[in-house]
Structures are given as C-alpha cells and as structure tokens.
C-alpha cells in the first residue's frame, strides 16, 4: 500500500512546476484585472460628470445660455468649483452623489446634506474642476468639467495625490456641447495634460486661448 501511494503522489519537482505556472498566470492576470478595474471606475465617474453636465445645461437653458460665473444663486462669490456647482443643488440636481468620486484626493465622499444651504458641497465633497466664464454658445470643443488637477491644470502619475486619481493615464472631460469622453493624457510624470481639441501639443486647461475672463476652478480644499 505504501509503495502504491509513493508511485501516485506528486514529486517535489512536479509541485514546483505547478506552483511556478500558477505564479506566472497570476503575474499575467493581475495587471489585466487592475486595468479593467481602473477602466470601470473611470467609466462610473464619467457617468457622474455627465449628470453634472446635464445640470449645467438645464441651468443655461433657464438663463439665456449663461453658466454659473462670478456669483452663484446663493449670492456667494465663485472662487472654487464647489461654489459654482452649488447653483445646481437642489434646483437641478437633488443630491451631492454625482460630485464625489471614490479615491479622489479632492472629493472622495459626500453626506448628501443639502439643507441648510451652507451644507451643500462642503470642502471634500466635490471631485470635479470647472471652467468658469464659458456659455452654452462657446466653442463646443472647450472643456467645461474635468477631473480636478494638481492645482495648475496638470495631472500626475502619482496616485493618492492631487491630480493623480487615474494614475496619470486618462481624464474625464465634459465639453461645452455636453459630450462626454475619457481622454488619454499626454506629457510625462507630474506634467500630464489634456490635449487641446485643435492643437494636441498644448494643454486644454491653460485657458487663455478660450478668451478673456475664462478660468479653471478647482474643488475647495
């Protein structure tokens, strides 16, 4: 009986071969899985940004094409994207859920408290940056809502830092015409950027080419 067991058991070399094959397969599968998960997260975030874009579109329809700028409907000066987006809640968007993105350094969660007004989009409850000064008749290719940046309009490949939500790979962009897309970032390291629709070698968030009084507003932090 013992001899039969010895003849049918795996040898040490066979076990090592099996373990090596499993390790190789795991090494191949892990990056693929991580990429798939990142893509799924970006797509979920884009759907949220699209809803913010619809809110802005409805606001512009009610205001002769104007978009939030200078002051919001609460009478507050608009100096951050939070200030601008407060105009949308609750008249055009009934909760804060579309403004936060899991893993975001600027806005990873929100409590969905919209009463009193002072609780709407408090610091840390908004992921999205906003290009203020545009209108519904501005060039349709201009970005209107984007992932927040490092504060200067650039993104980084360093995760868990401002502008590094998607590891410097892509950015969510909602344009003036309300089209939504994920754009592959150009540049390297901490100087990655969204390419302009008309000149890919330039940063779309360096807003001087859009006209006077156009400014990228980052989330409150």
C-alpha atoms as a PDB file:
ATOM      1  CA  UNK A   1       0.000   0.000   0.000  1.00  0.00           C
ATOM      2  CA  UNK A   2       2.769   2.453   0.901  1.00  0.00           C
ATOM      3  CA  UNK A   3       4.612   1.725  -2.347  1.00  0.00           C
ATOM      4  CA  UNK A   4       1.455   2.425  -4.372  1.00  0.00           C
ATOM      5  CA  UNK A   5       0.975   5.788  -2.612  1.00  0.00           C
ATOM      6  CA  UNK A   6       4.530   6.778  -3.398  1.00  0.00           C
ATOM      7  CA  UNK A   7       4.099   5.891  -7.062  1.00  0.00           C
ATOM      8  CA  UNK A   8       0.900   8.016  -7.467  1.00  0.00           C
ATOM      9  CA  UNK A   9       1.913  11.096  -5.422  1.00  0.00           C
ATOM     10  CA  UNK A  10       3.313  14.302  -6.940  1.00  0.00           C
ATOM     11  CA  UNK A  11       7.068  14.660  -6.806  1.00  0.00           C
ATOM     12  CA  UNK A  12       8.640  17.813  -5.393  1.00  0.00           C
ATOM     13  CA  UNK A  13       9.725  18.866  -8.890  1.00  0.00           C
ATOM     14  CA  UNK A  14       6.177  18.472 -10.222  1.00  0.00           C
ATOM     15  CA  UNK A  15       4.800  20.575  -7.374  1.00  0.00           C
ATOM     16  CA  UNK A  16       7.370  23.290  -8.045  1.00  0.00           C
ATOM     17  CA  UNK A  17       6.438  23.299 -11.743  1.00  0.00           C
ATOM     18  CA  UNK A  18       2.721  23.678 -10.917  1.00  0.00           C
ATOM     19  CA  UNK A  19       3.423  26.476  -8.432  1.00  0.00           C
ATOM     20  CA  UNK A  20       5.614  28.247 -10.998  1.00  0.00           C
ATOM     21  CA  UNK A  21       2.872  28.042 -13.647  1.00  0.00           C
ATOM     22  CA  UNK A  22       0.292  29.436 -11.199  1.00  0.00           C
ATOM     23  CA  UNK A  23       2.660  32.285 -10.291  1.00  0.00           C
ATOM     24  CA  UNK A  24       3.217  33.132 -13.969  1.00  0.00           C
ATOM     25  CA  UNK A  25      -0.521  33.119 -14.700  1.00  0.00           C
ATOM     26  CA  UNK A  26      -1.195  35.305 -11.662  1.00  0.00           C
ATOM     27  CA  UNK A  27       1.504  37.705 -12.802  1.00  0.00           C
ATOM     28  CA  UNK A  28      -0.165  37.998 -16.196  1.00  0.00           C
ATOM     29  CA  UNK A  29      -3.724  38.263 -14.849  1.00  0.00           C
ATOM     30  CA  UNK A  30      -3.113  40.850 -12.119  1.00  0.00           C
ATOM     31  CA  UNK A  31      -2.217  43.806 -14.383  1.00  0.00           C
ATOM     32  CA  UNK A  32      -5.129  42.949 -16.688  1.00  0.00           C
ATOM     33  CA  UNK A  33      -7.502  42.865 -13.720  1.00  0.00           C
ATOM     34  CA  UNK A  34      -6.149  46.149 -12.350  1.00  0.00           C
ATOM     35  CA  UNK A  35      -6.549  47.824 -15.747  1.00  0.00           C
ATOM     36  CA  UNK A  36     -10.113  46.549 -16.058  1.00  0.00           C
ATOM     37  CA  UNK A  37     -10.975  47.815 -12.587  1.00  0.00           C
ATOM     38  CA  UNK A  38      -9.463  51.238 -13.308  1.00  0.00           C
ATOM     39  CA  UNK A  39     -11.435  51.478 -16.553  1.00  0.00           C
ATOM     40  CA  UNK A  40     -14.645  50.572 -14.732  1.00  0.00           C
ATOM     41  CA  UNK A  41     -14.006  53.265 -12.106  1.00  0.00           C
ATOM     42  CA  UNK A  42     -13.297  55.888 -14.783  1.00  0.00           C
ATOM     43  CA  UNK A  43     -16.490  54.993 -16.662  1.00  0.00           C
ATOM     44  CA  UNK A  44     -18.534  55.241 -13.456  1.00  0.00           C
ATOM     45  CA  UNK A  45     -17.004  58.660 -12.757  1.00  0.00           C
ATOM     46  CA  UNK A  46     -17.738  59.800 -16.307  1.00  0.00           C
ATOM     47  CA  UNK A  47     -21.405  58.947 -15.834  1.00  0.00           C
ATOM     48  CA  UNK A  48     -21.439  61.177 -12.762  1.00  0.00           C
ATOM     49  CA  UNK A  49     -19.747  64.013 -14.613  1.00  0.00           C
ATOM     50  CA  UNK A  50     -22.264  63.659 -17.423  1.00  0.00           C
ATOM     51  CA  UNK A  51     -25.076  64.259 -14.915  1.00  0.00           C
ATOM     52  CA  UNK A  52     -23.327  67.402 -13.678  1.00  0.00           C
ATOM     53  CA  UNK A  53     -23.130  68.478 -17.314  1.00  0.00           C
ATOM     54  CA  UNK A  54     -26.866  67.934 -17.748  1.00  0.00           C
ATOM     55  CA  UNK A  55     -27.450  70.081 -14.673  1.00  0.00           C
ATOM     56  CA  UNK A  56     -25.372  72.876 -16.189  1.00  0.00           C
ATOM     57  CA  UNK A  57     -27.230  72.504 -19.480  1.00  0.00           C
ATOM     58  CA  UNK A  58     -30.597  72.894 -17.744  1.00  0.00           C
ATOM     59  CA  UNK A  59     -29.270  75.908 -15.857  1.00  0.00           C
ATOM     60  CA  UNK A  60     -28.090  77.529 -19.099  1.00  0.00           C
ATOM     61  CA  UNK A  61     -31.472  76.886 -20.735  1.00  0.00           C
ATOM     62  CA  UNK A  62     -33.094  78.847 -17.902  1.00  0.00           C
ATOM     63  CA  UNK A  63     -30.526  81.658 -18.048  1.00  0.00           C
ATOM     64  CA  UNK A  64     -30.269  82.577 -21.728  1.00  0.00           C
ATOM     65  CA  UNK A  65     -27.220  80.384 -22.280  1.00  0.00           C
ATOM     66  CA  UNK A  66     -25.245  81.669 -19.288  1.00  0.00           C
ATOM     67  CA  UNK A  67     -23.378  79.303 -16.975  1.00  0.00           C
ATOM     68  CA  UNK A  68     -22.505  79.901 -13.305  1.00  0.00           C
ATOM     69  CA  UNK A  69     -19.868  82.637 -13.083  1.00  0.00           C
ATOM     70  CA  UNK A  70     -18.875  85.470 -10.708  1.00  0.00           C
ATOM     71  CA  UNK A  71     -21.616  84.686  -8.143  1.00  0.00           C
ATOM     72  CA  UNK A  72     -23.805  81.637  -7.586  1.00  0.00           C
ATOM     73  CA  UNK A  73     -27.521  81.654  -6.871  1.00  0.00           C
ATOM     74  CA  UNK A  74     -26.772  81.762  -3.137  1.00  0.00           C
ATOM     75  CA  UNK A  75     -25.098  85.144  -3.649  1.00  0.00           C
ATOM     76  CA  UNK A  76     -21.639  83.716  -2.903  1.00  0.00           C
ATOM     77  CA  UNK A  77     -18.584  84.742  -4.938  1.00  0.00           C
ATOM     78  CA  UNK A  78     -17.485  81.840  -7.144  1.00  0.00           C
ATOM     79  CA  UNK A  79     -13.839  81.119  -6.412  1.00  0.00           C
ATOM     80  CA  UNK A  80     -13.899  77.299  -6.448  1.00  0.00           C
ATOM     81  CA  UNK A  81     -15.802  74.736  -8.462  1.00  0.00           C
ATOM     82  CA  UNK A  82     -17.784  73.919  -5.306  1.00  0.00           C
ATOM     83  CA  UNK A  83     -19.086  77.498  -5.308  1.00  0.00           C
ATOM     84  CA  UNK A  84     -20.191  77.201  -8.936  1.00  0.00           C
ATOM     85  CA  UNK A  85     -21.819  73.799  -8.562  1.00  0.00           C
ATOM     86  CA  UNK A  86     -23.832  74.883  -5.502  1.00  0.00           C
ATOM     87  CA  UNK A  87     -26.024  76.718  -8.013  1.00  0.00           C
ATOM     88  CA  UNK A  88     -27.191  73.335  -9.317  1.00  0.00           C
ATOM     89  CA  UNK A  89     -28.281  71.883  -5.955  1.00  0.00           C
ATOM     90  CA  UNK A  90     -31.120  71.238  -5.330  1.00  0.00           C
ATOM     91  CA  UNK A  91     -32.810  73.060  -8.233  1.00  0.00           C
ATOM     92  CA  UNK A  92     -31.187  70.972 -10.993  1.00  0.00           C
ATOM     93  CA  UNK A  93     -29.534  68.117  -9.101  1.00  0.00           C
ATOM     94  CA  UNK A  94     -31.204  66.743  -5.988  1.00  0.00           C
ATOM     95  CA  UNK A  95     -28.142  65.294  -4.249  1.00  0.00           C
ATOM     96  CA  UNK A  96     -24.369  65.555  -3.973  1.00  0.00           C
ATOM     97  CA  UNK A  97     -23.734  61.985  -5.093  1.00  0.00           C
ATOM     98  CA  UNK A  98     -22.629  62.954  -8.620  1.00  0.00           C
ATOM     99  CA  UNK A  99     -19.906  65.245  -7.317  1.00  0.00           C
ATOM    100  CA  UNK A 100     -17.741  62.788  -5.405  1.00  0.00           C
ATOM    101  CA  UNK A 101     -15.513  60.039  -6.790  1.00  0.00           C
ATOM    102  CA  UNK A 102     -14.189  57.191  -4.694  1.00  0.00           C
ATOM    103  CA  UNK A 103     -10.436  57.504  -4.234  1.00  0.00           C
ATOM    104  CA  UNK A 104     -10.384  61.193  -5.162  1.00  0.00           C
ATOM    105  CA  UNK A 105      -7.951  63.360  -3.225  1.00  0.00           C
ATOM    106  CA  UNK A 106     -10.303  66.354  -3.525  1.00  0.00           C
ATOM    107  CA  UNK A 107     -13.727  64.761  -3.093  1.00  0.00           C
ATOM    108  CA  UNK A 108     -13.932  61.105  -2.103  1.00  0.00           C
ATOM    109  CA  UNK A 109     -17.308  61.212  -0.322  1.00  0.00           C
ATOM    110  CA  UNK A 110     -20.312  63.413   0.389  1.00  0.00           C
ATOM    111  CA  UNK A 111     -23.000  63.344   3.059  1.00  0.00           C
ATOM    112  CA  UNK A 112     -25.819  64.392   0.677  1.00  0.00           C
ATOM    113  CA  UNK A 113     -26.917  67.068   3.133  1.00  0.00           C
ATOM    114  CA  UNK A 114     -28.411  69.913   1.107  1.00  0.00           C
ATOM    115  CA  UNK A 115     -30.221  71.685   3.932  1.00  0.00           C
ATOM    116  CA  UNK A 116     -29.356  74.200   5.206  1.00  0.00           C
ATOM    117  CA  UNK A 117     -27.702  75.686   2.111  1.00  0.00           C
ATOM    118  CA  UNK A 118     -24.386  76.036   3.944  1.00  0.00           C
ATOM    119  CA  UNK A 119     -24.084  72.233   3.914  1.00  0.00           C
ATOM    120  CA  UNK A 120     -24.194  71.955   0.115  1.00  0.00           C
ATOM    121  CA  UNK A 121     -20.892  70.754  -1.367  1.00  0.00           C
ATOM    122  CA  UNK A 122     -18.670  71.439   1.586  1.00  0.00           C
ATOM    123  CA  UNK A 123     -14.916  71.002   1.317  1.00  0.00           C
ATOM    124  CA  UNK A 124     -14.024  67.421   0.417  1.00  0.00           C
ATOM    125  CA  UNK A 125     -17.382  66.671  -1.243  1.00  0.00           C
ATOM    126  CA  UNK A 126     -16.529  67.580  -4.840  1.00  0.00           C
ATOM    127  CA  UNK A 127     -14.078  65.917  -7.193  1.00  0.00           C
ATOM    128  CA  UNK A 128     -14.729  67.989 -10.324  1.00  0.00           C
ATOM    129  CA  UNK A 129     -12.962  71.068 -11.642  1.00  0.00           C
ATOM    130  CA  UNK A 130     -14.958  73.614 -13.660  1.00  0.00           C
ATOM    131  CA  UNK A 131     -14.039  76.077 -16.400  1.00  0.00           C
ATOM    132  CA  UNK A 132     -15.809  79.293 -15.435  1.00  0.00           C
ATOM    133  CA  UNK A 133     -16.656  82.092 -17.862  1.00  0.00           C
ATOM    134  CA  UNK A 134     -17.951  79.951 -20.717  1.00  0.00           C
ATOM    135  CA  UNK A 135     -21.512  79.850 -22.013  1.00  0.00           C
ATOM    136  CA  UNK A 136     -23.641  77.386 -23.969  1.00  0.00           C
ATOM    137  CA  UNK A 137     -22.605  79.203 -27.164  1.00  0.00           C
ATOM    138  CA  UNK A 138     -18.861  78.896 -26.531  1.00  0.00           C
ATOM    139  CA  UNK A 139     -16.787  76.631 -28.782  1.00  0.00           C
ATOM    140  CA  UNK A 140     -18.245  73.142 -28.423  1.00  0.00           C
ATOM    141  CA  UNK A 141     -14.754  71.627 -28.117  1.00  0.00           C
ATOM    142  CA  UNK A 142     -13.841  73.555 -24.967  1.00  0.00           C
ATOM    143  CA  UNK A 143     -13.700  71.519 -21.753  1.00  0.00           C
ATOM    144  CA  UNK A 144     -16.276  72.519 -19.146  1.00  0.00           C
ATOM    145  CA  UNK A 145     -15.989  69.838 -16.435  1.00  0.00           C
ATOM    146  CA  UNK A 146     -12.854  67.760 -15.828  1.00  0.00           C
ATOM    147  CA  UNK A 147     -11.180  65.702 -13.124  1.00  0.00           C
ATOM    148  CA  UNK A 148      -9.521  68.021 -10.617  1.00  0.00           C
ATOM    149  CA  UNK A 149      -5.849  68.691 -11.314  1.00  0.00           C
ATOM    150  CA  UNK A 150      -2.820  69.382  -9.132  1.00  0.00           C
ATOM    151  CA  UNK A 151      -3.988  72.997  -8.958  1.00  0.00           C
ATOM    152  CA  UNK A 152      -2.129  74.213 -12.028  1.00  0.00           C
ATOM    153  CA  UNK A 153      -4.108  72.437 -14.742  1.00  0.00           C
ATOM    154  CA  UNK A 154      -1.782  69.429 -14.893  1.00  0.00           C
ATOM    155  CA  UNK A 155      -2.140  65.812 -13.821  1.00  0.00           C
ATOM    156  CA  UNK A 156       0.345  63.433 -12.253  1.00  0.00           C
ATOM    157  CA  UNK A 157       1.081  59.719 -12.360  1.00  0.00           C
ATOM    158  CA  UNK A 158       1.402  59.671  -8.564  1.00  0.00           C
ATOM    159  CA  UNK A 159      -1.722  58.077  -7.126  1.00  0.00           C
ATOM    160  CA  UNK A 160      -3.266  59.473  -3.916  1.00  0.00           C
ATOM    161  CA  UNK A 161      -2.092  62.987  -4.741  1.00  0.00           C
ATOM    162  CA  UNK A 162      -3.990  65.902  -6.261  1.00  0.00           C
ATOM    163  CA  UNK A 163      -4.412  65.245  -9.977  1.00  0.00           C
ATOM    164  CA  UNK A 164      -3.437  61.591  -9.645  1.00  0.00           C
ATOM    165  CA  UNK A 165      -6.861  59.953  -9.401  1.00  0.00           C
ATOM    166  CA  UNK A 166      -6.375  57.863 -12.544  1.00  0.00           C
ATOM    167  CA  UNK A 167      -2.590  57.464 -12.198  1.00  0.00           C
ATOM    168  CA  UNK A 168      -1.867  59.927 -14.978  1.00  0.00           C
ATOM    169  CA  UNK A 169      -3.480  57.738 -17.625  1.00  0.00           C
ATOM    170  CA  UNK A 170      -6.723  59.459 -18.613  1.00  0.00           C
ATOM    171  CA  UNK A 171      -9.051  62.299 -17.670  1.00  0.00           C
ATOM    172  CA  UNK A 172     -12.818  62.593 -17.751  1.00  0.00           C
ATOM    173  CA  UNK A 173     -13.914  65.551 -19.882  1.00  0.00           C
ATOM    174  CA  UNK A 174     -17.380  67.057 -20.340  1.00  0.00           C
ATOM    175  CA  UNK A 175     -17.278  69.672 -23.095  1.00  0.00           C
ATOM    176  CA  UNK A 176     -19.450  72.709 -23.725  1.00  0.00           C
ATOM    177  CA  UNK A 177     -21.716  70.732 -26.067  1.00  0.00           C
ATOM    178  CA  UNK A 178     -22.227  68.257 -23.180  1.00  0.00           C
ATOM    179  CA  UNK A 179     -20.339  65.463 -24.944  1.00  0.00           C
ATOM    180  CA  UNK A 180     -18.536  63.182 -22.505  1.00  0.00           C
ATOM    181  CA  UNK A 181     -15.341  61.229 -23.032  1.00  0.00           C
ATOM    182  CA  UNK A 182     -12.249  59.864 -21.351  1.00  0.00           C
ATOM    183  CA  UNK A 183      -9.198  61.493 -22.878  1.00  0.00           C
ATOM    184  CA  UNK A 184      -5.735  59.964 -22.905  1.00  0.00           C
ATOM    185  CA  UNK A 185      -3.344  62.317 -21.147  1.00  0.00           C
ATOM    186  CA  UNK A 186      -0.170  63.472 -22.862  1.00  0.00           C
ATOM    187  CA  UNK A 187       3.081  64.550 -21.244  1.00  0.00           C
ATOM    188  CA  UNK A 188       5.100  62.742 -18.593  1.00  0.00           C
ATOM    189  CA  UNK A 189       5.350  62.394 -14.824  1.00  0.00           C
ATOM    190  CA  UNK A 190       3.783  65.302 -12.956  1.00  0.00           C
ATOM    191  CA  UNK A 191       3.177  67.307 -16.147  1.00  0.00           C
ATOM    192  CA  UNK A 192       0.476  65.283 -17.848  1.00  0.00           C
ATOM    193  CA  UNK A 193      -2.262  67.223 -19.557  1.00  0.00           C
ATOM    194  CA  UNK A 194      -5.491  67.093 -21.538  1.00  0.00           C
ATOM    195  CA  UNK A 195      -4.601  67.921 -25.162  1.00  0.00           C
ATOM    196  CA  UNK A 196      -6.466  70.752 -26.850  1.00  0.00           C
ATOM    197  CA  UNK A 197      -9.004  69.703 -29.471  1.00  0.00           C
ATOM    198  CA  UNK A 198      -7.337  71.973 -32.041  1.00  0.00           C
ATOM    199  CA  UNK A 199      -3.657  71.638 -31.056  1.00  0.00           C
ATOM    200  CA  UNK A 200      -2.726  68.435 -29.249  1.00  0.00           C
ATOM    201  CA  UNK A 201       0.695  69.647 -28.153  1.00  0.00           C
ATOM    202  CA  UNK A 202      -0.941  72.227 -25.852  1.00  0.00           C
ATOM    203  CA  UNK A 203      -2.787  71.883 -22.549  1.00  0.00           C
ATOM    204  CA  UNK A 204      -6.562  72.331 -22.899  1.00  0.00           C
ATOM    205  CA  UNK A 205      -6.758  73.651 -19.333  1.00  0.00           C
ATOM    206  CA  UNK A 206      -4.438  76.597 -19.932  1.00  0.00           C
ATOM    207  CA  UNK A 207      -7.499  78.724 -20.574  1.00  0.00           C
ATOM    208  CA  UNK A 208      -6.056  81.867 -22.234  1.00  0.00           C
ATOM    209  CA  UNK A 209      -6.914  80.524 -25.727  1.00  0.00           C
ATOM    210  CA  UNK A 210     -10.629  80.419 -24.813  1.00  0.00           C
ATOM    211  CA  UNK A 211     -10.926  84.173 -24.364  1.00  0.00           C
ATOM    212  CA  UNK A 212     -10.911  86.756 -21.585  1.00  0.00           C
ATOM    213  CA  UNK A 213     -12.104  86.021 -18.046  1.00  0.00           C
ATOM    214  CA  UNK A 214     -12.055  82.241 -18.556  1.00  0.00           C
ATOM    215  CA  UNK A 215     -10.613  80.420 -15.561  1.00  0.00           C
ATOM    216  CA  UNK A 216     -10.143  76.854 -14.366  1.00  0.00           C
ATOM    217  CA  UNK A 217     -11.662  76.480 -10.892  1.00  0.00           C
ATOM    218  CA  UNK A 218     -10.538  73.625  -8.681  1.00  0.00           C
ATOM    219  CA  UNK A 219     -12.533  71.969  -5.860  1.00  0.00           C
ATOM    220  CA  UNK A 220     -12.446  73.611  -2.430  1.00  0.00           C
ATOM    221  CA  UNK A 221      -9.724  72.187  -0.224  1.00  0.00           C
END
